[in-house]
Amino acid sequence: MGTSLRIFLVNDDDSVQSLPFACYERLIRHDPKESLPQYAGKRVRHAMVVVDLINRVPTDILRTEHSFLSFDSEGRLDPGEKEKQLMLGLDTVPPLLASEDESEIIDARYRFAKKRYDNEYRWTPSQEIVKAIVSAIFGRD
């Protein structure tokens, strides 16, 4: 038993393209030798799928995450956009300690930040995209 992480890019026409994990890692690490020129200057939907394996064969999808990758003019991941995403992500964390202020004002900034984060950096796949991903993982419809 084990797990595997599968990465898929979703094109403008909703077609799904598998991205090798090694390539994804190099993009994330900003390896100067790794780029995807076909996505230069684009914001691309992507899906990260955690798959349960038995004897290296996928048996179940454990978790999925749907977000965006922003590419610069050379087809490399845009570090500025990733930084913006991380900063907004930090704003979604609720305060750990309650304010000592006795007022009846509720600090809901993190809730609004979460809504904004979800609006800007998450997407929901259509049934056709889900079917294409499942087919790519399991080799069936």
Protein backbone atom coordinates (compact mmCIF):
# COMPACT_ATOMS: atom_id res chain seq x y z
CA MET A 1 0.00 0.00 0.00
CA GLY A 2 1.08 3.55 -0.65
CA THR A 3 0.03 6.88 -2.05
CA SER A 4 0.88 8.85 -5.13
CA LEU A 5 0.37 12.47 -6.13
CA ARG A 6 -0.92 13.06 -9.65
CA ILE A 7 -0.89 16.48 -11.28
CA PHE A 8 -3.20 17.46 -14.13
CA LEU A 9 -3.36 20.68 -16.12
CA VAL A 10 -6.75 21.66 -17.50
CA ASN A 11 -6.63 23.49 -20.81
CA ASP A 12 -9.02 26.22 -21.96
CA ASP A 13 -11.06 23.61 -23.88
CA ASP A 14 -11.40 21.55 -20.64
CA SER A 15 -9.07 18.84 -21.93
CA VAL A 16 -6.91 17.30 -19.22
CA GLN A 17 -3.17 16.85 -19.53
CA SER A 18 -1.13 14.84 -17.05
CA LEU A 19 1.99 16.60 -15.79
CA PRO A 20 4.80 14.36 -14.52
CA PHE A 21 5.44 14.98 -10.84
CA ALA A 22 9.18 15.49 -11.45
CA CYS A 23 8.38 18.28 -13.93
CA TYR A 24 5.94 19.84 -11.44
CA GLU A 25 8.58 19.75 -8.70
CA ARG A 26 11.12 21.48 -10.96
CA LEU A 27 8.56 24.16 -11.82
CA ILE A 28 7.79 24.71 -8.12
CA ARG A 29 11.51 24.95 -7.30
CA HIS A 30 11.93 27.46 -10.17
CA ASP A 31 14.50 25.31 -11.95
CA PRO A 32 15.75 27.54 -14.78
CA LYS A 33 15.84 24.55 -17.14
CA GLU A 34 12.15 23.74 -16.65
CA SER A 35 9.40 25.63 -18.43
CA LEU A 36 6.14 25.03 -20.24
CA PRO A 37 6.27 27.57 -23.09
CA GLN A 38 2.78 26.61 -24.31
CA TYR A 39 1.42 28.18 -21.09
CA ALA A 40 3.56 31.36 -21.19
CA GLY A 41 1.67 34.33 -19.78
CA LYS A 42 -1.35 32.21 -18.83
CA ARG A 43 -3.18 31.31 -15.66
CA VAL A 44 -3.93 27.60 -15.91
CA ARG A 45 -6.31 25.44 -13.89
CA HIS A 46 -4.67 22.45 -12.30
CA ALA A 47 -5.76 19.52 -10.19
CA MET A 48 -3.66 17.75 -7.58
CA VAL A 49 -4.96 14.28 -6.83
CA VAL A 50 -3.75 12.02 -4.03
CA VAL A 51 -4.23 8.41 -5.10
CA ASP A 52 -4.14 5.27 -2.96
CA LEU A 53 -1.98 2.51 -4.47
CA ILE A 54 -1.82 -1.24 -3.99
CA ASN A 55 1.13 -2.86 -5.73
CA ARG A 56 1.65 0.43 -7.61
CA VAL A 57 -1.86 0.24 -9.06
CA PRO A 58 -4.27 3.10 -8.27
CA THR A 59 -7.23 1.88 -6.24
CA ASP A 60 -8.85 5.01 -4.82
CA ILE A 61 -8.77 8.80 -4.91
CA LEU A 62 -8.10 10.05 -1.39
CA ARG A 63 -8.08 13.82 -1.91
CA THR A 64 -8.28 16.39 -4.66
CA GLU A 65 -7.37 20.06 -4.79
CA HIS A 66 -8.23 22.39 -7.64
CA SER A 67 -6.31 25.64 -8.00
CA PHE A 68 -4.42 27.74 -10.53
CA LEU A 69 -0.85 27.99 -11.76
CA SER A 70 0.27 31.36 -13.12
CA PHE A 71 3.03 31.28 -15.71
CA ASP A 72 5.35 34.12 -16.65
CA SER A 73 6.24 35.15 -20.21
CA GLU A 74 8.78 32.31 -20.48
CA GLY A 75 6.47 29.53 -19.29
CA ARG A 76 7.88 29.33 -15.76
CA LEU A 77 5.77 29.66 -12.63
CA ASP A 78 5.30 33.29 -11.64
CA PRO A 79 6.87 33.68 -8.17
CA GLY A 80 5.10 37.01 -7.56
CA GLU A 81 1.68 35.44 -8.01
CA LYS A 82 2.59 32.54 -5.73
CA GLU A 83 3.68 35.01 -3.04
CA LYS A 84 0.34 36.85 -3.30
CA GLN A 85 -1.47 33.53 -2.92
CA LEU A 86 0.59 32.58 0.15
CA MET A 87 0.03 35.95 1.81
CA LEU A 88 -3.73 35.76 1.30
CA GLY A 89 -3.63 32.15 2.52
CA LEU A 90 -2.05 33.32 5.77
CA ASP A 91 -4.88 35.81 6.22
CA THR A 92 -7.39 32.93 6.21
CA VAL A 93 -6.06 31.56 9.51
CA PRO A 94 -8.32 32.53 12.42
CA PRO A 95 -6.72 34.28 15.38
CA LEU A 96 -5.24 31.82 17.86
CA LEU A 97 -5.86 33.98 20.90
CA ALA A 98 -9.10 35.77 21.57
CA SER A 99 -8.87 39.51 21.73
CA GLU A 100 -8.95 40.98 25.20
CA ASP A 101 -11.24 43.69 23.85
CA GLU A 102 -14.61 43.30 25.57
CA SER A 103 -16.54 44.84 22.69
CA GLU A 104 -19.20 42.97 20.79
CA ILE A 105 -17.36 43.37 17.51
CA ILE A 106 -16.47 40.03 15.93
CA ASP A 107 -13.20 39.82 14.02
CA ALA A 108 -14.24 38.07 10.83
CA ARG A 109 -11.38 39.23 8.62
CA TYR A 110 -10.14 35.65 8.22
CA ARG A 111 -13.58 34.54 7.00
CA PHE A 112 -13.60 37.23 4.33
CA ALA A 113 -10.01 36.36 3.41
CA LYS A 114 -11.05 32.70 3.00
CA LYS A 115 -13.90 33.68 0.67
CA ARG A 116 -11.56 35.88 -1.33
CA TYR A 117 -8.92 33.09 -1.43
CA ASP A 118 -11.48 30.58 -2.67
CA ASN A 119 -12.74 33.03 -5.31
CA GLU A 120 -9.26 33.88 -6.60
CA TYR A 121 -7.34 30.64 -6.22
CA ARG A 122 -9.80 27.73 -6.29
CA TRP A 123 -12.08 26.35 -8.98
CA THR A 124 -14.68 23.61 -9.18
CA PRO A 125 -14.33 21.01 -11.95
CA SER A 126 -17.20 20.06 -14.21
CA GLN A 127 -18.37 16.45 -14.36
CA GLU A 128 -16.57 16.08 -17.71
CA ILE A 129 -13.26 17.19 -16.19
CA VAL A 130 -13.74 14.84 -13.23
CA LYS A 131 -14.43 11.96 -15.64
CA ALA A 132 -11.32 12.81 -17.68
CA ILE A 133 -9.15 12.83 -14.54
CA VAL A 134 -10.63 9.54 -13.30
CA SER A 135 -10.07 8.03 -16.73
CA ALA A 136 -6.46 9.22 -16.77
CA ILE A 137 -5.81 7.74 -13.33
CA PHE A 138 -7.66 4.44 -13.62
CA GLY A 139 -7.72 3.99 -17.39
CA ARG A 140 -11.52 3.86 -17.52
CA ASP A 141 -14.57 6.12 -17.64
